[in-house]
Amino acid sequence: MHHCRGWIRRIRYRLEFAAFLVVVTVVRRLPERCVLWGVELLTALMVRLPKRWTRGDVVEHNLRAAFGTDLDETEIDRIRRGMWRHLFLLVAEVVREVPRLTEERTVELVRFHRKTDVLQALLSDRPVILVSGHVGNWELAVAVFGVWGFPMFVVARDLDNPHLDRWFRRYRQATGHTMLSKRHDQQAIVDAVAAGRSIALLGDQDAGLRGIFVDFFGRPASTYKSIALLALQFDAVLCVGYALRLDEPSTAGGPAAPRFEIGCEEVIDPRTIDADDPIHEVTQRFTSALERVVRRAPDQYFWLHRRWKTRPEDFRKNRKRRRPKGPIGPVSGTEAA
């Protein structure tokens, strides 16, 4: 039975990958006007399907958790529609724009906010940690730095489908970056920062019972502390970045104005941190910076993720269950972290 399930899973992965390649080919070959029409059609479909099929209940819960009574039903529906439209546009941009990025193309496509701050950090002799979230077009932002000649280690979660995982690895490395697995390459991540290299990662996922709680939209959210630990241990400059969509693609031969703003919301220098708990301080600061970005474009955020899944009471219950009943020996530094 186990062998049969594995065989079925392999067939499913191949079929998924074949369907993905068909979509990529079609999107790349269609005129831009047809792609935009397809985006509108898929968006209309997603907002009309039952919420239980599209995690609409998760989106609504997250928006209520973030904004409370500031949003009425009409506004929630508007943001939910905008989120789906943004996600479909993101896929189209990943397939069409990123593979043809050049330095000249970035001038037409992107405007920059606090560009000097980021370049000064990248050109210094200190490691840089570029942290962003699932807001705007995070894939485009990483690709632009590669085109500029700033290769870095990009940390990402492995995809369940190995064929898709290999495709995205090649895709992201095409602009000069090196991919590292969030789960399997932890030592390589530490070694890269210790060697003074730059890394890029997303820092807005629920960290479960291994994270620390900081405020995100006024609610405690479990957040990975490894980002702050790396910055503090290796004197790395932390830049909170984003790539927000500004206006719609032009259907008349190219955009009349830049379509994205790539910016640095905040630069966090561990040398300036003066707090009783510097790990918590750094984690709160980059989380608050990401929140400010999301507030500017809530319809460009990935509200499908259960950001507040882990609650402080879950953490307390877990610690109580794990509390030893007898004397124990010294705890190592790794275990203590």
Protein backbone atom coordinates (compact mmCIF):
# COMPACT_ATOMS: atom_id res chain seq x y z
CA MET A 1 0.00 0.00 0.00
CA HIS A 2 2.82 2.40 0.87
CA HIS A 3 4.53 1.67 -2.46
CA CYS A 4 1.23 2.31 -4.29
CA ARG A 5 0.76 5.70 -2.58
CA GLY A 6 4.30 6.71 -3.48
CA TRP A 7 3.71 5.75 -7.13
CA ILE A 8 0.48 7.77 -7.24
CA ARG A 9 2.20 10.76 -5.67
CA ARG A 10 4.99 10.66 -8.28
CA ILE A 11 2.46 10.57 -11.10
CA ARG A 12 0.58 13.50 -9.53
CA TYR A 13 3.77 15.53 -9.26
CA ARG A 14 4.57 14.93 -12.93
CA LEU A 15 1.06 15.90 -14.01
CA GLU A 16 1.20 19.06 -11.88
CA PHE A 17 4.52 20.00 -13.41
CA ALA A 18 3.29 19.34 -16.95
CA ALA A 19 0.26 21.57 -16.31
CA PHE A 20 2.54 24.25 -14.88
CA LEU A 21 4.78 24.20 -17.97
CA VAL A 22 1.72 24.56 -20.20
CA VAL A 23 0.60 27.63 -18.23
CA VAL A 24 4.11 29.13 -18.41
CA THR A 25 4.28 28.62 -22.17
CA VAL A 26 0.82 30.09 -22.78
CA VAL A 27 1.38 33.13 -20.54
CA ARG A 28 4.72 33.89 -22.20
CA ARG A 29 3.29 33.70 -25.71
CA LEU A 30 0.00 35.54 -25.23
CA PRO A 31 -0.23 39.29 -25.85
CA GLU A 32 -0.22 41.28 -22.64
CA ARG A 33 -3.83 42.37 -23.17
CA CYS A 34 -4.94 38.73 -23.22
CA VAL A 35 -2.98 37.99 -20.05
CA LEU A 36 -4.70 40.85 -18.25
CA TRP A 37 -8.07 39.61 -19.46
CA GLY A 38 -7.22 36.16 -18.09
CA VAL A 39 -6.24 37.67 -14.75
CA GLU A 40 -9.61 39.41 -14.48
CA LEU A 41 -11.45 36.21 -15.40
CA LEU A 42 -9.59 34.11 -12.80
CA THR A 43 -10.10 36.80 -10.16
CA ALA A 44 -13.85 36.86 -10.80
CA LEU A 45 -13.91 33.07 -10.51
CA MET A 46 -12.00 32.95 -7.21
CA VAL A 47 -14.21 35.51 -5.47
CA ARG A 48 -17.36 33.67 -6.55
CA LEU A 49 -16.31 30.19 -5.46
CA PRO A 50 -17.35 29.04 -1.97
CA LYS A 51 -15.01 30.45 0.67
CA ARG A 52 -14.19 26.99 2.00
CA TRP A 53 -12.69 26.13 -1.40
CA THR A 54 -10.49 29.23 -1.59
CA ARG A 55 -9.60 29.75 2.11
CA GLY A 56 -11.83 32.80 2.06
CA ASP A 57 -12.62 32.22 5.72
CA VAL A 58 -8.90 32.45 6.53
CA VAL A 59 -8.60 35.70 4.56
CA GLU A 60 -11.58 37.23 6.35
CA HIS A 61 -10.33 36.09 9.76
CA ASN A 62 -6.88 37.57 9.10
CA LEU A 63 -8.31 40.89 7.93
CA ARG A 64 -10.53 41.07 11.03
CA ALA A 65 -7.54 40.25 13.21
CA ALA A 66 -5.42 42.92 11.55
CA PHE A 67 -7.90 45.78 11.15
CA GLY A 68 -10.71 44.95 13.58
CA THR A 69 -13.84 47.02 13.06
CA ASP A 70 -12.05 49.48 10.74
CA LEU A 71 -13.16 47.36 7.78
CA ASP A 72 -16.74 46.73 6.77
CA GLU A 73 -17.88 43.82 4.59
CA THR A 74 -17.53 45.86 1.42
CA GLU A 75 -13.91 46.73 2.20
CA ILE A 76 -13.08 43.13 3.13
CA ASP A 77 -14.50 41.95 -0.20
CA ARG A 78 -12.52 44.63 -2.03
CA ILE A 79 -9.24 43.58 -0.41
CA ARG A 80 -9.97 39.88 -0.99
CA ARG A 81 -10.64 40.53 -4.67
CA GLY A 82 -7.54 42.70 -4.91
CA MET A 83 -5.43 40.00 -3.25
CA TRP A 84 -6.45 37.36 -5.79
CA ARG A 85 -5.90 39.79 -8.65
CA HIS A 86 -2.48 40.63 -7.28
CA LEU A 87 -1.51 36.96 -6.96
CA PHE A 88 -2.50 36.20 -10.55
CA LEU A 89 -0.63 39.28 -11.76
CA LEU A 90 2.38 38.19 -9.72
CA VAL A 91 2.42 34.82 -11.48
CA ALA A 92 2.21 36.53 -14.87
CA GLU A 93 5.03 38.92 -13.94
CA VAL A 94 7.22 36.09 -12.67
CA VAL A 95 6.75 34.24 -15.96
CA ARG A 96 6.97 37.22 -18.34
CA GLU A 97 9.00 40.03 -16.76
CA VAL A 98 11.73 38.41 -14.67
CA PRO A 99 13.28 36.24 -17.44
CA ARG A 100 13.83 39.34 -19.62
CA LEU A 101 15.14 41.65 -16.91
CA THR A 102 18.15 43.74 -17.80
CA GLU A 103 19.68 46.80 -16.18
CA GLU A 104 18.00 48.97 -18.83
CA ARG A 105 14.66 47.25 -18.26
CA THR A 106 14.78 47.87 -14.50
CA VAL A 107 15.06 51.61 -15.20
CA GLU A 108 11.78 51.46 -17.13
CA LEU A 109 10.02 49.08 -14.77
CA VAL A 110 11.06 50.18 -11.29
CA ARG A 111 11.45 53.29 -9.19
CA PHE A 112 13.54 53.11 -6.03
CA HIS A 113 13.00 54.36 -2.51
CA ARG A 114 16.06 54.74 -0.25
CA LYS A 115 18.24 53.09 -2.87
CA THR A 116 21.37 54.70 -1.46
CA ASP A 117 20.85 53.16 1.99
CA VAL A 118 20.69 49.65 0.57
CA LEU A 119 23.63 50.14 -1.79
CA GLN A 120 25.79 51.53 1.01
CA ALA A 121 25.03 48.44 3.08
CA LEU A 122 25.71 46.05 0.19
CA LEU A 123 28.98 47.79 -0.68
CA SER A 124 30.24 47.79 2.92
CA ASP A 125 32.45 45.09 4.40
CA ARG A 126 29.60 43.82 6.59
CA PRO A 127 27.09 41.07 5.78
CA VAL A 128 23.61 42.19 4.81
CA ILE A 129 20.32 40.45 5.54
CA LEU A 130 17.54 41.53 3.18
CA VAL A 131 14.25 40.60 4.81
CA SER A 132 10.84 41.05 3.24
CA GLY A 133 7.41 39.49 3.44
CA HIS A 134 4.73 38.03 1.20
CA VAL A 135 3.72 41.49 0.03
CA GLY A 136 4.05 42.94 -3.45
CA ASN A 137 6.24 41.07 -5.93
CA TRP A 138 8.99 39.64 -3.74
CA GLU A 139 10.34 37.52 -6.63
CA LEU A 140 10.93 40.61 -8.76
CA ALA A 141 12.77 42.36 -5.93
CA VAL A 142 15.27 39.51 -5.55
CA ALA A 143 15.78 39.25 -9.31
CA VAL A 144 16.52 42.97 -9.62
CA PHE A 145 19.41 42.74 -7.13
CA GLY A 146 20.86 39.89 -9.16
CA VAL A 147 20.63 41.92 -12.37
CA TRP A 148 22.38 44.80 -10.61
CA GLY A 149 25.32 42.54 -9.83
CA PHE A 150 24.62 41.82 -6.17
CA PRO A 151 24.39 38.02 -6.01
CA MET A 152 23.25 36.67 -2.67
CA PHE A 153 22.06 33.55 -0.95
CA VAL A 154 18.28 33.29 -1.22
CA VAL A 155 16.65 31.28 1.58
CA ALA A 156 13.34 29.63 0.69
CA ARG A 157 11.18 26.69 1.68
CA ASP A 158 11.46 23.55 -0.43
CA LEU A 159 8.40 22.91 -2.56
CA ASP A 160 6.65 19.58 -2.06
CA ASN A 161 6.72 18.85 -5.79
CA PRO A 162 10.40 18.11 -6.61
CA HIS A 163 9.97 19.03 -10.29
CA LEU A 164 8.54 22.44 -9.42
CA ASP A 165 11.22 22.88 -6.77
CA ARG A 166 14.01 22.32 -9.32
CA TRP A 167 12.34 24.71 -11.80
CA PHE A 168 12.13 27.52 -9.26
CA ARG A 169 15.69 26.90 -8.14
CA ARG A 170 16.96 27.34 -11.71
CA TYR A 171 14.65 30.32 -12.18
CA ARG A 172 15.93 32.15 -9.09
CA GLN A 173 19.56 31.28 -9.75
CA ALA A 174 19.37 32.55 -13.34
CA THR A 175 20.09 36.09 -12.10
CA GLY A 176 23.18 35.00 -10.18
CA HIS A 177 21.82 34.01 -6.80
CA THR A 178 22.42 30.79 -4.87
CA MET A 179 19.44 28.99 -3.39
CA LEU A 180 19.51 27.62 0.15
CA SER A 181 16.86 25.42 1.71
CA LYS A 182 15.20 26.91 4.76
CA ARG A 183 14.95 23.44 6.29
CA HIS A 184 18.04 21.58 5.09
CA ASP A 185 20.73 24.26 4.70
CA GLN A 186 20.67 25.92 8.10
CA GLN A 187 24.41 25.55 8.65
CA ALA A 188 25.12 26.89 5.17
CA ILE A 189 23.00 29.96 5.98
CA VAL A 190 25.04 30.60 9.13
CA ASP A 191 28.30 30.04 7.24
CA ALA A 192 27.28 32.50 4.51
CA VAL A 193 26.57 35.32 6.97
CA ALA A 194 29.70 34.49 8.98
CA ALA A 195 31.72 34.83 5.77
CA GLY A 196 30.28 38.30 5.16
CA ARG A 197 27.89 37.29 2.36
CA SER A 198 24.41 38.73 1.85
CA ILE A 199 21.26 36.67 2.24
CA ALA A 200 17.64 37.34 1.33
CA LEU A 201 14.62 35.78 2.97
CA LEU A 202 10.98 36.27 3.91
CA GLY A 203 10.29 36.91 7.57
CA ASP A 204 6.52 37.03 7.95
CA GLN A 205 5.59 33.34 8.39
CA ASP A 206 4.22 31.81 11.55
CA ALA A 207 7.20 30.29 13.40
CA GLY A 208 5.23 27.89 15.54
CA LEU A 209 6.41 27.00 19.02
CA ARG A 210 10.06 27.73 18.15
CA GLY A 211 9.49 31.44 17.54
CA ILE A 212 9.21 34.46 19.75
CA PHE A 213 6.10 36.62 20.01
CA VAL A 214 6.16 40.17 18.69
CA ASP A 215 3.28 42.44 17.72
CA PHE A 216 1.98 42.31 14.16
CA PHE A 217 -1.03 44.57 13.65
CA GLY A 218 -1.32 44.82 17.44
CA ARG A 219 -1.57 41.04 17.97
CA PRO A 220 1.16 38.67 19.21
CA ALA A 221 2.56 36.69 16.28
CA SER A 222 5.12 33.89 16.53
CA THR A 223 8.11 35.05 14.49
CA TYR A 224 11.44 33.43 13.63
CA LYS A 225 14.19 34.70 15.91
CA SER A 226 16.98 33.34 13.69
CA ILE A 227 17.00 36.57 11.64
CA ALA A 228 17.78 38.68 14.70
CA LEU A 229 20.25 36.09 16.00
CA LEU A 230 22.21 36.18 12.73
CA ALA A 231 22.26 39.97 12.63
CA LEU A 232 23.41 40.30 16.24
CA GLN A 233 25.94 37.49 16.20
CA PHE A 234 27.66 38.45 12.95
CA ASP A 235 27.16 42.24 12.99
CA ALA A 236 24.97 42.09 9.89
CA VAL A 237 22.99 45.09 8.65
CA LEU A 238 19.32 44.22 8.32
CA CYS A 239 17.40 45.92 5.48
CA VAL A 240 13.62 45.56 5.39
CA GLY A 241 12.64 45.72 1.73
CA TYR A 242 9.60 45.51 -0.51
CA ALA A 243 8.46 45.68 -4.15
CA LEU A 244 4.97 47.16 -4.42
CA ARG A 245 3.01 47.38 -7.66
CA LEU A 246 2.22 50.99 -8.54
CA ASP A 247 -0.10 50.90 -11.51
CA GLU A 248 -1.37 48.63 -14.21
CA PRO A 249 0.68 47.29 -17.13
CA SER A 250 0.19 49.26 -20.29
CA THR A 251 -1.51 47.60 -23.24
CA ALA A 252 -0.17 50.15 -25.71
CA GLY A 253 3.46 49.19 -26.14
CA GLY A 254 4.86 49.57 -22.64
CA PRO A 255 4.26 51.33 -19.37
CA ALA A 256 4.10 55.10 -19.33
CA ALA A 257 5.56 55.14 -15.81
CA PRO A 258 7.38 52.70 -13.51
CA ARG A 259 5.14 49.84 -12.48
CA PHE A 260 6.86 48.94 -9.20
CA GLU A 261 8.46 50.67 -6.28
CA ILE A 262 11.35 48.74 -4.79
CA GLY A 263 12.27 50.28 -1.49
CA CYS A 264 13.86 49.94 1.90
CA GLU A 265 11.37 50.51 4.69
CA GLU A 266 13.94 50.43 7.47
CA VAL A 267 17.64 49.77 8.04
CA ILE A 268 18.40 48.06 11.35
CA ASP A 269 22.01 48.21 12.50
CA PRO A 270 22.68 45.85 15.43
CA ARG A 271 25.37 48.24 16.66
CA THR A 272 22.65 50.75 17.51
CA ILE A 273 20.45 48.32 19.48
CA ASP A 274 20.33 49.19 23.17
CA ALA A 275 17.69 46.98 24.75
CA ASP A 276 17.45 44.43 27.55
CA ASP A 277 16.34 41.84 25.00
CA PRO A 278 18.05 42.71 21.69
CA ILE A 279 16.66 39.63 19.90
CA HIS A 280 13.11 40.70 20.68
CA GLU A 281 13.90 44.33 19.79
CA VAL A 282 15.31 43.50 16.34
CA THR A 283 12.49 41.05 15.60
CA GLN A 284 9.85 43.60 16.60
CA ARG A 285 11.46 46.34 14.51
CA PHE A 286 11.56 44.39 11.25
CA THR A 287 8.06 43.02 11.88
CA SER A 288 6.72 46.53 12.48
CA ALA A 289 8.43 47.71 9.30
CA LEU A 290 6.75 44.93 7.31
CA GLU A 291 3.42 45.89 8.87
CA ARG A 292 3.83 49.46 7.64
CA VAL A 293 4.39 48.17 4.10
CA VAL A 294 1.30 45.94 4.26
CA ARG A 295 -0.83 48.83 5.51
CA ARG A 296 0.11 50.82 2.41
CA ALA A 297 -1.07 48.05 0.09
CA PRO A 298 -3.25 45.53 1.98
CA ASP A 299 -4.56 44.07 -1.28
CA GLN A 300 -0.99 43.05 -2.19
CA TYR A 301 -0.47 40.92 0.92
CA PHE A 302 -0.80 37.13 1.14
CA TRP A 303 -3.69 36.97 3.61
CA LEU A 304 -4.11 33.25 2.91
CA HIS A 305 -1.33 32.46 5.41
CA ARG A 306 -2.41 31.85 9.00
CA ARG A 307 -0.04 34.42 10.50
CA TRP A 308 -1.52 34.20 14.01
CA LYS A 309 -1.89 30.41 14.02
CA THR A 310 0.34 29.94 17.08
CA ARG A 311 -0.94 31.64 20.21
CA PRO A 312 0.97 32.56 23.39
CA GLU A 313 -1.16 30.08 25.36
CA ASP A 314 -0.02 27.30 22.99
CA PHE A 315 3.56 28.18 23.85
CA ARG A 316 2.87 28.10 27.59
CA LYS A 317 1.08 24.74 27.35
CA ASN A 318 3.95 23.27 25.34
CA ARG A 319 6.55 24.43 27.86
CA LYS A 320 4.50 22.96 30.69
CA ARG A 321 4.30 19.60 28.93
CA ARG A 322 8.04 19.58 28.27
CA ARG A 323 9.01 20.63 31.81
CA PRO A 324 11.17 17.85 33.35
CA LYS A 325 10.08 16.27 36.59
CA GLY A 326 13.58 15.70 37.94
CA PRO A 327 16.96 17.39 37.98
CA ILE A 328 18.69 17.89 34.63
CA GLY A 329 22.19 18.75 33.52
CA PRO A 330 23.39 21.95 31.85
CA VAL A 331 21.68 23.06 28.67
CA SER A 332 23.80 23.73 25.58
CA GLY A 333 23.74 27.07 23.81
CA THR A 334 21.93 25.56 20.83
CA GLU A 335 19.21 24.08 22.98
CA ALA A 336 18.82 27.30 24.91
CA ALA A 337 18.26 29.26 21.68
